[in-house]
Amino acid sequence: MYKRLIAIDDGHGLETPGKRTPFFPGTKRFMHENEFNRAVADLLKVNLERCGFSTLMVAPGDSDVPLKARTDTANKAKADFYISIHANALNGIWGNQQGVSTFHYPGSILGKKAATVIHN
């Protein structure tokens, strides 16, 4: 049986400039977007594998891997799907932002269908 290969991208590296939350109230601490993204990516990997999918982490570790290198890794492995996780870090202030955005490759009918299923 053919196992679908899902490429998982945890977005930005740990030291990507500007990709972090504002300071948490009453502290001098913040969270890098990568810290959140990596935790989500790790959980996604575990659950996809539990469901019988093969997975490929395209940017293992915390370094900032350029987007082209990440997509090249997925394409070389012939990944069936590419999921990139982003928390969309804020601009230094807390607000009431919320929601989810899902994108697919333009013109891909199967990509649009998969994006719709995943989003819903």
PDB file of N, CA and C in Angstrom:
ATOM      1  N   MET A   1       0.842  -1.196   0.000  1.00  0.00           N
ATOM      2  CA  MET A   1       0.000   0.000   0.000  1.00  0.00           C
ATOM      3  C   MET A   1       0.881   1.251   0.000  1.00  0.00           C
ATOM      4  N   TYR A   2       0.519   2.217  -0.794  1.00  0.00           N
ATOM      5  CA  TYR A   2       1.261   3.474  -0.891  1.00  0.00           C
ATOM      6  C   TYR A   2       0.921   4.367   0.293  1.00  0.00           C
ATOM      7  N   LYS A   3       1.950   4.847   0.989  1.00  0.00           N
ATOM      8  CA  LYS A   3       1.747   5.773   2.100  1.00  0.00           C
ATOM      9  C   LYS A   3       2.015   7.192   1.621  1.00  0.00           C
ATOM     10  N   ARG A   4       1.090   8.062   1.843  1.00  0.00           N
ATOM     11  CA  ARG A   4       1.267   9.472   1.492  1.00  0.00           C
ATOM     12  C   ARG A   4       2.380  10.078   2.349  1.00  0.00           C
ATOM     13  N   LEU A   5       3.218  10.883   1.712  1.00  0.00           N
ATOM     14  CA  LEU A   5       4.298  11.571   2.417  1.00  0.00           C
ATOM     15  C   LEU A   5       3.892  13.026   2.636  1.00  0.00           C
ATOM     16  N   ILE A   6       3.855  13.425   3.896  1.00  0.00           N
ATOM     17  CA  ILE A   6       3.487  14.782   4.268  1.00  0.00           C
ATOM     18  C   ILE A   6       4.751  15.516   4.721  1.00  0.00           C
ATOM     19  N   ALA A   7       5.109  16.575   4.008  1.00  0.00           N
ATOM     20  CA  ALA A   7       6.235  17.420   4.410  1.00  0.00           C
ATOM     21  C   ALA A   7       5.713  18.451   5.406  1.00  0.00           C
ATOM     22  N   ILE A   8       6.392  18.563   6.537  1.00  0.00           N
ATOM     23  CA  ILE A   8       5.978  19.491   7.595  1.00  0.00           C
ATOM     24  C   ILE A   8       7.054  20.557   7.761  1.00  0.00           C
ATOM     25  N   ASP A   9       6.628  21.806   7.701  1.00  0.00           N
ATOM     26  CA  ASP A   9       7.523  22.956   7.800  1.00  0.00           C
ATOM     27  C   ASP A   9       7.093  23.775   9.008  1.00  0.00           C
ATOM     28  N   ASP A  10       8.006  23.958   9.959  1.00  0.00           N
ATOM     29  CA  ASP A  10       7.644  24.724  11.157  1.00  0.00           C
ATOM     30  C   ASP A  10       7.948  26.217  11.008  1.00  0.00           C
ATOM     31  N   GLY A  11       8.002  26.668   9.776  1.00  0.00           N
ATOM     32  CA  GLY A  11       8.110  28.106   9.526  1.00  0.00           C
ATOM     33  C   GLY A  11       9.490  28.675   9.795  1.00  0.00           C
ATOM     34  N   HIS A  12       9.547  29.682  10.606  1.00  0.00           N
ATOM     35  CA  HIS A  12      10.770  30.439  10.841  1.00  0.00           C
ATOM     36  C   HIS A  12      11.695  29.737  11.821  1.00  0.00           C
ATOM     37  N   GLY A  13      12.982  30.062  11.725  1.00  0.00           N
ATOM     38  CA  GLY A  13      13.952  29.568  12.693  1.00  0.00           C
ATOM     39  C   GLY A  13      13.823  30.322  14.007  1.00  0.00           C
ATOM     40  N   LEU A  14      14.517  29.837  15.004  1.00  0.00           N
ATOM     41  CA  LEU A  14      14.425  30.423  16.342  1.00  0.00           C
ATOM     42  C   LEU A  14      14.897  31.875  16.371  1.00  0.00           C
ATOM     43  N   GLU A  15      15.871  32.218  15.564  1.00  0.00           N
ATOM     44  CA  GLU A  15      16.442  33.567  15.614  1.00  0.00           C
ATOM     45  C   GLU A  15      15.995  34.475  14.468  1.00  0.00           C
ATOM     46  N   THR A  16      14.931  34.112  13.759  1.00  0.00           N
ATOM     47  CA  THR A  16      14.443  34.978  12.687  1.00  0.00           C
ATOM     48  C   THR A  16      14.004  36.314  13.293  1.00  0.00           C
ATOM     49  N   PRO A  17      14.551  37.426  12.833  1.00  0.00           N
ATOM     50  CA  PRO A  17      14.225  38.729  13.438  1.00  0.00           C
ATOM     51  C   PRO A  17      12.728  39.037  13.400  1.00  0.00           C
ATOM     52  N   GLY A  18      12.223  39.541  14.533  1.00  0.00           N
ATOM     53  CA  GLY A  18      10.851  40.020  14.601  1.00  0.00           C
ATOM     54  C   GLY A  18       9.771  38.974  14.765  1.00  0.00           C
ATOM     55  N   LYS A  19      10.111  37.718  14.692  1.00  0.00           N
ATOM     56  CA  LYS A  19       9.097  36.658  14.753  1.00  0.00           C
ATOM     57  C   LYS A  19       8.932  36.182  16.194  1.00  0.00           C
ATOM     58  N   ARG A  20       8.266  37.010  16.996  1.00  0.00           N
ATOM     59  CA  ARG A  20       8.047  36.677  18.400  1.00  0.00           C
ATOM     60  C   ARG A  20       6.821  37.409  18.919  1.00  0.00           C
ATOM     61  N   THR A  21       6.338  36.954  20.061  1.00  0.00           N
ATOM     62  CA  THR A  21       5.211  37.628  20.707  1.00  0.00           C
ATOM     63  C   THR A  21       5.701  38.906  21.377  1.00  0.00           C
ATOM     64  N   PRO A  22       4.789  39.777  21.767  1.00  0.00           N
ATOM     65  CA  PRO A  22       5.166  40.860  22.676  1.00  0.00           C
ATOM     66  C   PRO A  22       5.556  40.236  24.026  1.00  0.00           C
ATOM     67  N   PHE A  23       6.112  41.032  24.928  1.00  0.00           N
ATOM     68  CA  PHE A  23       6.404  40.516  26.266  1.00  0.00           C
ATOM     69  C   PHE A  23       5.100  40.082  26.922  1.00  0.00           C
ATOM     70  N   PHE A  24       5.160  38.973  27.640  1.00  0.00           N
ATOM     71  CA  PHE A  24       3.986  38.530  28.382  1.00  0.00           C
ATOM     72  C   PHE A  24       3.750  39.502  29.530  1.00  0.00           C
ATOM     73  N   PRO A  25       2.483  39.808  29.845  1.00  0.00           N
ATOM     74  CA  PRO A  25       2.172  40.794  30.886  1.00  0.00           C
ATOM     75  C   PRO A  25       2.897  40.497  32.197  1.00  0.00           C
ATOM     76  N   GLY A  26       3.514  41.531  32.762  1.00  0.00           N
ATOM     77  CA  GLY A  26       4.187  41.415  34.051  1.00  0.00           C
ATOM     78  C   GLY A  26       5.525  40.697  33.995  1.00  0.00           C
ATOM     79  N   THR A  27       6.031  40.420  32.810  1.00  0.00           N
ATOM     80  CA  THR A  27       7.313  39.708  32.685  1.00  0.00           C
ATOM     81  C   THR A  27       8.174  40.390  31.628  1.00  0.00           C
ATOM     82  N   LYS A  28       9.379  39.935  31.526  1.00  0.00           N
ATOM     83  CA  LYS A  28      10.257  40.356  30.431  1.00  0.00           C
ATOM     84  C   LYS A  28      10.515  39.156  29.534  1.00  0.00           C
ATOM     85  N   ARG A  29       9.489  38.304  29.419  1.00  0.00           N
ATOM     86  CA  ARG A  29       9.599  37.086  28.614  1.00  0.00           C
ATOM     87  C   ARG A  29       8.677  37.165  27.407  1.00  0.00           C
ATOM     88  N   PHE A  30       9.111  36.534  26.341  1.00  0.00           N
ATOM     89  CA  PHE A  30       8.307  36.447  25.125  1.00  0.00           C
ATOM     90  C   PHE A  30       8.510  35.058  24.539  1.00  0.00           C
ATOM     91  N   MET A  31       7.745  34.737  23.523  1.00  0.00           N
ATOM     92  CA  MET A  31       7.887  33.444  22.851  1.00  0.00           C
ATOM     93  C   MET A  31       8.231  33.697  21.391  1.00  0.00           C
ATOM     94  N   HIS A  32       9.291  33.037  20.928  1.00  0.00           N
ATOM     95  CA  HIS A  32       9.614  33.075  19.503  1.00  0.00           C
ATOM     96  C   HIS A  32       8.531  32.308  18.752  1.00  0.00           C
ATOM     97  N   GLU A  33       8.187  32.775  17.564  1.00  0.00           N
ATOM     98  CA  GLU A  33       7.187  32.070  16.758  1.00  0.00           C
ATOM     99  C   GLU A  33       7.607  30.618  16.540  1.00  0.00           C
ATOM    100  N   ASN A  34       8.909  30.383  16.357  1.00  0.00           N
ATOM    101  CA  ASN A  34       9.408  29.028  16.134  1.00  0.00           C
ATOM    102  C   ASN A  34       9.106  28.093  17.301  1.00  0.00           C
ATOM    103  N   GLU A  35       9.132  28.603  18.526  1.00  0.00           N
ATOM    104  CA  GLU A  35       8.852  27.748  19.683  1.00  0.00           C
ATOM    105  C   GLU A  35       7.432  27.187  19.596  1.00  0.00           C
ATOM    106  N   PHE A  36       6.492  28.038  19.246  1.00  0.00           N
ATOM    107  CA  PHE A  36       5.105  27.602  19.095  1.00  0.00           C
ATOM    108  C   PHE A  36       4.967  26.694  17.880  1.00  0.00           C
ATOM    109  N   ASN A  37       5.501  27.150  16.741  1.00  0.00           N
ATOM    110  CA  ASN A  37       5.389  26.378  15.502  1.00  0.00           C
ATOM    111  C   ASN A  37       5.988  24.985  15.653  1.00  0.00           C
ATOM    112  N   ARG A  38       7.159  24.888  16.297  1.00  0.00           N
ATOM    113  CA  ARG A  38       7.831  23.593  16.461  1.00  0.00           C
ATOM    114  C   ARG A  38       6.967  22.648  17.291  1.00  0.00           C
ATOM    115  N   ALA A  39       6.355  23.149  18.353  1.00  0.00           N
ATOM    116  CA  ALA A  39       5.497  22.298  19.182  1.00  0.00           C
ATOM    117  C   ALA A  39       4.307  21.782  18.372  1.00  0.00           C
ATOM    118  N   VAL A  40       3.695  22.654  17.570  1.00  0.00           N
ATOM    119  CA  VAL A  40       2.570  22.239  16.724  1.00  0.00           C
ATOM    120  C   VAL A  40       3.041  21.229  15.681  1.00  0.00           C
ATOM    121  N   ALA A  41       4.183  21.497  15.044  1.00  0.00           N
ATOM    122  CA  ALA A  41       4.721  20.590  14.020  1.00  0.00           C
ATOM    123  C   ALA A  41       5.023  19.213  14.606  1.00  0.00           C
ATOM    124  N   ASP A  42       5.599  19.182  15.799  1.00  0.00           N
ATOM    125  CA  ASP A  42       5.909  17.898  16.441  1.00  0.00           C
ATOM    126  C   ASP A  42       4.638  17.104  16.737  1.00  0.00           C
ATOM    127  N   LEU A  43       3.599  17.782  17.223  1.00  0.00           N
ATOM    128  CA  LEU A  43       2.321  17.106  17.481  1.00  0.00           C
ATOM    129  C   LEU A  43       1.677  16.629  16.183  1.00  0.00           C
ATOM    130  N   LEU A  44       1.758  17.447  15.141  1.00  0.00           N
ATOM    131  CA  LEU A  44       1.217  17.057  13.840  1.00  0.00           C
ATOM    132  C   LEU A  44       1.922  15.815  13.324  1.00  0.00           C
ATOM    133  N   LYS A  45       3.239  15.780  13.423  1.00  0.00           N
ATOM    134  CA  LYS A  45       4.032  14.627  12.978  1.00  0.00           C
ATOM    135  C   LYS A  45       3.589  13.353  13.694  1.00  0.00           C
ATOM    136  N   VAL A  46       3.496  13.408  15.006  1.00  0.00           N
ATOM    137  CA  VAL A  46       3.090  12.242  15.801  1.00  0.00           C
ATOM    138  C   VAL A  46       1.711  11.752  15.370  1.00  0.00           C
ATOM    139  N   ASN A  47       0.773  12.678  15.221  1.00  0.00           N
ATOM    140  CA  ASN A  47      -0.594  12.279  14.889  1.00  0.00           C
ATOM    141  C   ASN A  47      -0.749  11.809  13.452  1.00  0.00           C
ATOM    142  N   LEU A  48      -0.028  12.411  12.514  1.00  0.00           N
ATOM    143  CA  LEU A  48      -0.071  11.918  11.134  1.00  0.00           C
ATOM    144  C   LEU A  48       0.502  10.507  11.051  1.00  0.00           C
ATOM    145  N   GLU A  49       1.614  10.266  11.732  1.00  0.00           N
ATOM    146  CA  GLU A  49       2.221   8.930  11.720  1.00  0.00           C
ATOM    147  C   GLU A  49       1.308   7.912  12.399  1.00  0.00           C
ATOM    148  N   ARG A  50       0.624   8.328  13.450  1.00  0.00           N
ATOM    149  CA  ARG A  50      -0.338   7.442  14.128  1.00  0.00           C
ATOM    150  C   ARG A  50      -1.452   7.033  13.175  1.00  0.00           C
ATOM    151  N   CYS A  51      -1.780   7.921  12.234  1.00  0.00           N
ATOM    152  CA  CYS A  51      -2.836   7.646  11.252  1.00  0.00           C
ATOM    153  C   CYS A  51      -2.309   6.950   9.996  1.00  0.00           C
ATOM    154  N   GLY A  52      -1.031   6.597   9.981  1.00  0.00           N
ATOM    155  CA  GLY A  52      -0.476   5.828   8.877  1.00  0.00           C
ATOM    156  C   GLY A  52       0.235   6.617   7.794  1.00  0.00           C
ATOM    157  N   PHE A  53       0.389   7.919   7.973  1.00  0.00           N
ATOM    158  CA  PHE A  53       1.113   8.731   6.988  1.00  0.00           C
ATOM    159  C   PHE A  53       2.610   8.682   7.266  1.00  0.00           C
ATOM    160  N   SER A  54       3.401   8.879   6.231  1.00  0.00           N
ATOM    161  CA  SER A  54       4.831   9.115   6.391  1.00  0.00           C
ATOM    162  C   SER A  54       5.020  10.620   6.498  1.00  0.00           C
ATOM    163  N   THR A  55       6.023  11.053   7.256  1.00  0.00           N
ATOM    164  CA  THR A  55       6.256  12.486   7.415  1.00  0.00           C
ATOM    165  C   THR A  55       7.718  12.827   7.163  1.00  0.00           C
ATOM    166  N   LEU A  56       7.938  14.075   6.810  1.00  0.00           N
ATOM    167  CA  LEU A  56       9.281  14.603   6.594  1.00  0.00           C
ATOM    168  C   LEU A  56       9.323  16.005   7.171  1.00  0.00           C
ATOM    169  N   MET A  57      10.168  16.211   8.171  1.00  0.00           N
ATOM    170  CA  MET A  57      10.371  17.551   8.719  1.00  0.00           C
ATOM    171  C   MET A  57      11.387  18.246   7.816  1.00  0.00           C
ATOM    172  N   VAL A  58      10.980  19.300   7.129  1.00  0.00           N
ATOM    173  CA  VAL A  58      11.853  19.921   6.130  1.00  0.00           C
ATOM    174  C   VAL A  58      12.856  20.909   6.717  1.00  0.00           C
ATOM    175  N   ALA A  59      12.697  21.258   7.981  1.00  0.00           N
ATOM    176  CA  ALA A  59      13.645  22.169   8.638  1.00  0.00           C
ATOM    177  C   ALA A  59      13.893  21.697  10.063  1.00  0.00           C
ATOM    178  N   PRO A  60      14.507  20.509  10.219  1.00  0.00           N
ATOM    179  CA  PRO A  60      14.749  20.015  11.577  1.00  0.00           C
ATOM    180  C   PRO A  60      15.711  20.940  12.319  1.00  0.00           C
ATOM    181  N   GLY A  61      15.517  21.064  13.596  1.00  0.00           N
ATOM    182  CA  GLY A  61      16.362  21.961  14.381  1.00  0.00           C
ATOM    183  C   GLY A  61      15.773  23.352  14.443  1.00  0.00           C
ATOM    184  N   ASP A  62      16.533  24.264  15.026  1.00  0.00           N
ATOM    185  CA  ASP A  62      16.033  25.616  15.266  1.00  0.00           C
ATOM    186  C   ASP A  62      16.643  26.677  14.361  1.00  0.00           C
ATOM    187  N   SER A  63      17.513  26.275  13.424  1.00  0.00           N
ATOM    188  CA  SER A  63      18.133  27.274  12.551  1.00  0.00           C
ATOM    189  C   SER A  63      17.128  27.751  11.503  1.00  0.00           C
ATOM    190  N   ASP A  64      17.386  28.917  10.957  1.00  0.00           N
ATOM    191  CA  ASP A  64      16.495  29.502   9.957  1.00  0.00           C
ATOM    192  C   ASP A  64      16.866  28.951   8.585  1.00  0.00           C
ATOM    193  N   VAL A  65      16.080  28.013   8.091  1.00  0.00           N
ATOM    194  CA  VAL A  65      16.316  27.392   6.786  1.00  0.00           C
ATOM    195  C   VAL A  65      15.541  28.189   5.739  1.00  0.00           C
ATOM    196  N   PRO A  66      16.205  28.663   4.684  1.00  0.00           N
ATOM    197  CA  PRO A  66      15.505  29.437   3.654  1.00  0.00           C
ATOM    198  C   PRO A  66      14.336  28.653   3.040  1.00  0.00           C
ATOM    199  N   LEU A  67      13.290  29.371   2.653  1.00  0.00           N
ATOM    200  CA  LEU A  67      12.095  28.743   2.089  1.00  0.00           C
ATOM    201  C   LEU A  67      12.434  27.857   0.894  1.00  0.00           C
ATOM    202  N   LYS A  68      13.299  28.317   0.003  1.00  0.00           N
ATOM    203  CA  LYS A  68      13.650  27.515  -1.170  1.00  0.00           C
ATOM    204  C   LYS A  68      14.278  26.186  -0.758  1.00  0.00           C
ATOM    205  N   ALA A  69      15.127  26.195   0.255  1.00  0.00           N
ATOM    206  CA  ALA A  69      15.744  24.951   0.727  1.00  0.00           C
ATOM    207  C   ALA A  69      14.687  24.011   1.303  1.00  0.00           C
ATOM    208  N   ARG A  70      13.705  24.568   2.017  1.00  0.00           N
ATOM    209  CA  ARG A  70      12.640  23.738   2.596  1.00  0.00           C
ATOM    210  C   ARG A  70      11.790  23.109   1.502  1.00  0.00           C
ATOM    211  N   THR A  71      11.400  23.908   0.506  1.00  0.00           N
ATOM    212  CA  THR A  71      10.569  23.356  -0.570  1.00  0.00           C
ATOM    213  C   THR A  71      11.372  22.404  -1.452  1.00  0.00           C
ATOM    214  N   ASP A  72      12.657  22.690  -1.659  1.00  0.00           N
ATOM    215  CA  ASP A  72      13.512  21.761  -2.417  1.00  0.00           C
ATOM    216  C   ASP A  72      13.591  20.408  -1.721  1.00  0.00           C
ATOM    217  N   THR A  73      13.717  20.414  -0.393  1.00  0.00           N
ATOM    218  CA  THR A  73      13.767  19.163   0.375  1.00  0.00           C
ATOM    219  C   THR A  73      12.488  18.364   0.170  1.00  0.00           C
ATOM    220  N   ALA A  74      11.347  19.035   0.251  1.00  0.00           N
ATOM    221  CA  ALA A  74      10.057  18.358   0.065  1.00  0.00           C
ATOM    222  C   ALA A  74       9.910  17.834  -1.359  1.00  0.00           C
ATOM    223  N   ASN A  75      10.280  18.636  -2.336  1.00  0.00           N
ATOM    224  CA  ASN A  75      10.165  18.216  -3.736  1.00  0.00           C
ATOM    225  C   ASN A  75      11.094  17.051  -4.051  1.00  0.00           C
ATOM    226  N   LYS A  76      12.315  17.083  -3.527  1.00  0.00           N
ATOM    227  CA  LYS A  76      13.272  15.991  -3.760  1.00  0.00           C
ATOM    228  C   LYS A  76      12.740  14.674  -3.192  1.00  0.00           C
ATOM    229  N   ALA A  77      12.055  14.758  -2.052  1.00  0.00           N
ATOM    230  CA  ALA A  77      11.489  13.559  -1.419  1.00  0.00           C
ATOM    231  C   ALA A  77      10.165  13.149  -2.057  1.00  0.00           C
ATOM    232  N   LYS A  78       9.677  13.954  -3.015  1.00  0.00           N
ATOM    233  CA  LYS A  78       8.404  13.703  -3.695  1.00  0.00           C
ATOM    234  C   LYS A  78       7.225  13.688  -2.713  1.00  0.00           C
ATOM    235  N   ALA A  79       7.218  14.682  -1.828  1.00  0.00           N
ATOM    236  CA  ALA A  79       6.133  14.795  -0.850  1.00  0.00           C
ATOM    237  C   ALA A  79       4.802  15.005  -1.559  1.00  0.00           C
ATOM    238  N   ASP A  80       3.764  14.376  -1.028  1.00  0.00           N
ATOM    239  CA  ASP A  80       2.416  14.520  -1.581  1.00  0.00           C
ATOM    240  C   ASP A  80       1.749  15.811  -1.117  1.00  0.00           C
ATOM    241  N   PHE A  81       2.071  16.234   0.084  1.00  0.00           N
ATOM    242  CA  PHE A  81       1.517  17.458   0.659  1.00  0.00           C
ATOM    243  C   PHE A  81       2.627  18.200   1.378  1.00  0.00           C
ATOM    244  N   TYR A  82       2.480  19.510   1.445  1.00  0.00           N
ATOM    245  CA  TYR A  82       3.435  20.369   2.151  1.00  0.00           C
ATOM    246  C   TYR A  82       2.626  21.236   3.098  1.00  0.00           C
ATOM    247  N   ILE A  83       2.857  21.067   4.386  1.00  0.00           N
ATOM    248  CA  ILE A  83       2.132  21.851   5.387  1.00  0.00           C
ATOM    249  C   ILE A  83       3.134  22.751   6.095  1.00  0.00           C
ATOM    250  N   SER A  84       2.922  24.056   5.995  1.00  0.00           N
ATOM    251  CA  SER A  84       3.789  25.034   6.641  1.00  0.00           C
ATOM    252  C   SER A  84       3.006  25.698   7.767  1.00  0.00           C
ATOM    253  N   ILE A  85       3.559  25.644   8.951  1.00  0.00           N
ATOM    254  CA  ILE A  85       2.870  26.149  10.143  1.00  0.00           C
ATOM    255  C   ILE A  85       3.450  27.511  10.520  1.00  0.00           C
ATOM    256  N   HIS A  86       2.575  28.477  10.692  1.00  0.00           N
ATOM    257  CA  HIS A  86       2.986  29.822  11.099  1.00  0.00           C
ATOM    258  C   HIS A  86       1.997  30.339  12.133  1.00  0.00           C
ATOM    259  N   ALA A  87       2.519  30.984  13.170  1.00  0.00           N
ATOM    260  CA  ALA A  87       1.658  31.600  14.177  1.00  0.00           C
ATOM    261  C   ALA A  87       1.462  33.083  13.892  1.00  0.00           C
ATOM    262  N   ASN A  88       2.175  33.593  12.897  1.00  0.00           N
ATOM    263  CA  ASN A  88       2.086  35.009  12.534  1.00  0.00           C
ATOM    264  C   ASN A  88       2.276  35.916  13.745  1.00  0.00           C
ATOM    265  N   ALA A  89       3.520  35.935  14.226  1.00  0.00           N
ATOM    266  CA  ALA A  89       3.885  36.738  15.391  1.00  0.00           C
ATOM    267  C   ALA A  89       3.460  38.190  15.199  1.00  0.00           C
ATOM    268  N   LEU A  90       3.192  38.844  16.305  1.00  0.00           N
ATOM    269  CA  LEU A  90       2.649  40.203  16.282  1.00  0.00           C
ATOM    270  C   LEU A  90       3.747  41.254  16.191  1.00  0.00           C
ATOM    271  N   ASN A  91       3.350  42.498  16.102  1.00  0.00           N
ATOM    272  CA  ASN A  91       4.292  43.610  15.970  1.00  0.00           C
ATOM    273  C   ASN A  91       4.636  44.259  17.302  1.00  0.00           C
ATOM    274  N   GLY A  92       4.787  43.503  18.347  1.00  0.00           N
ATOM    275  CA  GLY A  92       5.214  44.058  19.624  1.00  0.00           C
ATOM    276  C   GLY A  92       4.102  44.517  20.537  1.00  0.00           C
ATOM    277  N   ILE A  93       2.843  44.371  20.130  1.00  0.00           N
ATOM    278  CA  ILE A  93       1.730  44.727  21.011  1.00  0.00           C
ATOM    279  C   ILE A  93       0.687  43.615  20.969  1.00  0.00           C
ATOM    280  N   TRP A  94       0.026  43.407  22.087  1.00  0.00           N
ATOM    281  CA  TRP A  94      -1.049  42.421  22.139  1.00  0.00           C
ATOM    282  C   TRP A  94      -2.296  43.025  21.528  1.00  0.00           C
ATOM    283  N   GLY A  95      -3.077  42.240  20.871  1.00  0.00           N
ATOM    284  CA  GLY A  95      -4.317  42.699  20.268  1.00  0.00           C
ATOM    285  C   GLY A  95      -5.359  41.601  20.345  1.00  0.00           C
ATOM    286  N   ASN A  96      -6.404  41.730  19.580  1.00  0.00           N
ATOM    287  CA  ASN A  96      -7.465  40.726  19.597  1.00  0.00           C
ATOM    288  C   ASN A  96      -7.452  39.882  18.322  1.00  0.00           C
ATOM    289  N   GLN A  97      -6.284  39.746  17.705  1.00  0.00           N
ATOM    290  CA  GLN A  97      -6.171  38.942  16.497  1.00  0.00           C
ATOM    291  C   GLN A  97      -6.532  37.494  16.799  1.00  0.00           C
ATOM    292  N   GLN A  98      -7.191  36.881  15.852  1.00  0.00           N
ATOM    293  CA  GLN A  98      -7.536  35.469  15.993  1.00  0.00           C
ATOM    294  C   GLN A  98      -7.884  34.913  14.622  1.00  0.00           C
ATOM    295  N   GLY A  99      -7.987  33.607  14.533  1.00  0.00           N
ATOM    296  CA  GLY A  99      -8.398  32.997  13.283  1.00  0.00           C
ATOM    297  C   GLY A  99      -7.335  32.109  12.677  1.00  0.00           C
ATOM    298  N   VAL A 100      -7.675  31.543  11.538  1.00  0.00           N
ATOM    299  CA  VAL A 100      -6.815  30.602  10.832  1.00  0.00           C
ATOM    300  C   VAL A 100      -6.807  30.979   9.355  1.00  0.00           C
ATOM    301  N   SER A 101      -5.651  30.885   8.732  1.00  0.00           N
ATOM    302  CA  SER A 101      -5.534  31.095   7.285  1.00  0.00           C
ATOM    303  C   SER A 101      -5.009  29.815   6.659  1.00  0.00           C
ATOM    304  N   THR A 102      -5.556  29.438   5.536  1.00  0.00           N
ATOM    305  CA  THR A 102      -5.117  28.242   4.820  1.00  0.00           C
ATOM    306  C   THR A 102      -4.906  28.617   3.362  1.00  0.00           C
ATOM    307  N   PHE A 103      -3.759  28.241   2.833  1.00  0.00           N
ATOM    308  CA  PHE A 103      -3.418  28.556   1.445  1.00  0.00           C
ATOM    309  C   PHE A 103      -3.102  27.270   0.699  1.00  0.00           C
ATOM    310  N   HIS A 104      -3.277  27.298  -0.603  1.00  0.00           N
ATOM    311  CA  HIS A 104      -2.929  26.145  -1.440  1.00  0.00           C
ATOM    312  C   HIS A 104      -2.242  26.654  -2.687  1.00  0.00           C
ATOM    313  N   TYR A 105      -1.580  25.743  -3.388  1.00  0.00           N
ATOM    314  CA  TYR A 105      -0.875  26.115  -4.607  1.00  0.00           C
ATOM    315  C   TYR A 105      -1.895  26.601  -5.636  1.00  0.00           C
ATOM    316  N   PRO A 106      -1.682  27.785  -6.214  1.00  0.00           N
ATOM    317  CA  PRO A 106      -2.645  28.323  -7.185  1.00  0.00           C
ATOM    318  C   PRO A 106      -2.875  27.368  -8.361  1.00  0.00           C
ATOM    319  N   GLY A 107      -4.125  27.163  -8.690  1.00  0.00           N
ATOM    320  CA  GLY A 107      -4.473  26.317  -9.828  1.00  0.00           C
ATOM    321  C   GLY A 107      -4.554  24.838  -9.525  1.00  0.00           C
ATOM    322  N   SER A 108      -4.186  24.436  -8.317  1.00  0.00           N
ATOM    323  CA  SER A 108      -4.228  23.018  -7.957  1.00  0.00           C
ATOM    324  C   SER A 108      -5.611  22.664  -7.411  1.00  0.00           C
ATOM    325  N   ILE A 109      -6.357  21.891  -8.170  1.00  0.00           N
ATOM    326  CA  ILE A 109      -7.697  21.483  -7.739  1.00  0.00           C
ATOM    327  C   ILE A 109      -7.609  20.599  -6.501  1.00  0.00           C
ATOM    328  N   LEU A 110      -6.687  19.623  -6.517  1.00  0.00           N
ATOM    329  CA  LEU A 110      -6.528  18.754  -5.347  1.00  0.00           C
ATOM    330  C   LEU A 110      -5.993  19.533  -4.153  1.00  0.00           C
ATOM    331  N   GLY A 111      -5.098  20.491  -4.416  1.00  0.00           N
ATOM    332  CA  GLY A 111      -4.581  21.327  -3.337  1.00  0.00           C
ATOM    333  C   GLY A 111      -5.683  22.139  -2.680  1.00  0.00           C
ATOM    334  N   LYS A 112      -6.571  22.691  -3.495  1.00  0.00           N
ATOM    335  CA  LYS A 112      -7.695  23.467  -2.954  1.00  0.00           C
ATOM    336  C   LYS A 112      -8.618  22.571  -2.135  1.00  0.00           C
ATOM    337  N   LYS A 113      -8.881  21.370  -2.640  1.00  0.00           N
ATOM    338  CA  LYS A 113      -9.752  20.435  -1.922  1.00  0.00           C
ATOM    339  C   LYS A 113      -9.122  20.047  -0.582  1.00  0.00           C
ATOM    340  N   ALA A 114      -7.829  19.722  -0.600  1.00  0.00           N
ATOM    341  CA  ALA A 114      -7.134  19.352   0.641  1.00  0.00           C
ATOM    342  C   ALA A 114      -7.120  20.525   1.618  1.00  0.00           C
ATOM    343  N   ALA A 115      -6.850  21.735   1.122  1.00  0.00           N
ATOM    344  CA  ALA A 115      -6.823  22.914   1.987  1.00  0.00           C
ATOM    345  C   ALA A 115      -8.181  23.158   2.634  1.00  0.00           C
ATOM    346  N   THR A 116      -9.247  22.950   1.878  1.00  0.00           N
ATOM    347  CA  THR A 116     -10.598  23.136   2.414  1.00  0.00           C
ATOM    348  C   THR A 116     -10.889  22.123   3.513  1.00  0.00           C
ATOM    349  N   VAL A 117     -10.533  20.867   3.283  1.00  0.00           N
ATOM    350  CA  VAL A 117     -10.762  19.819   4.289  1.00  0.00           C
ATOM    351  C   VAL A 117      -9.955  20.111   5.553  1.00  0.00           C
ATOM    352  N   ILE A 118      -8.678  20.456   5.386  1.00  0.00           N
ATOM    353  CA  ILE A 118      -7.819  20.735   6.541  1.00  0.00           C
ATOM    354  C   ILE A 118      -8.328  21.956   7.297  1.00  0.00           C
ATOM    355  N   HIS A 119      -8.705  23.000   6.583  1.00  0.00           N
ATOM    356  CA  HIS A 119      -9.163  24.232   7.223  1.00  0.00           C
ATOM    357  C   HIS A 119     -10.432  24.002   8.040  1.00  0.00           C
ATOM    358  N   ASN A 120     -11.355  23.222   7.478  1.00  0.00           N
ATOM    359  CA  ASN A 120     -12.624  22.980   8.168  1.00  0.00           C
ATOM    360  C   ASN A 120     -12.479  21.966   9.270  1.00  0.00           C
TER     361      ASN A 120
END
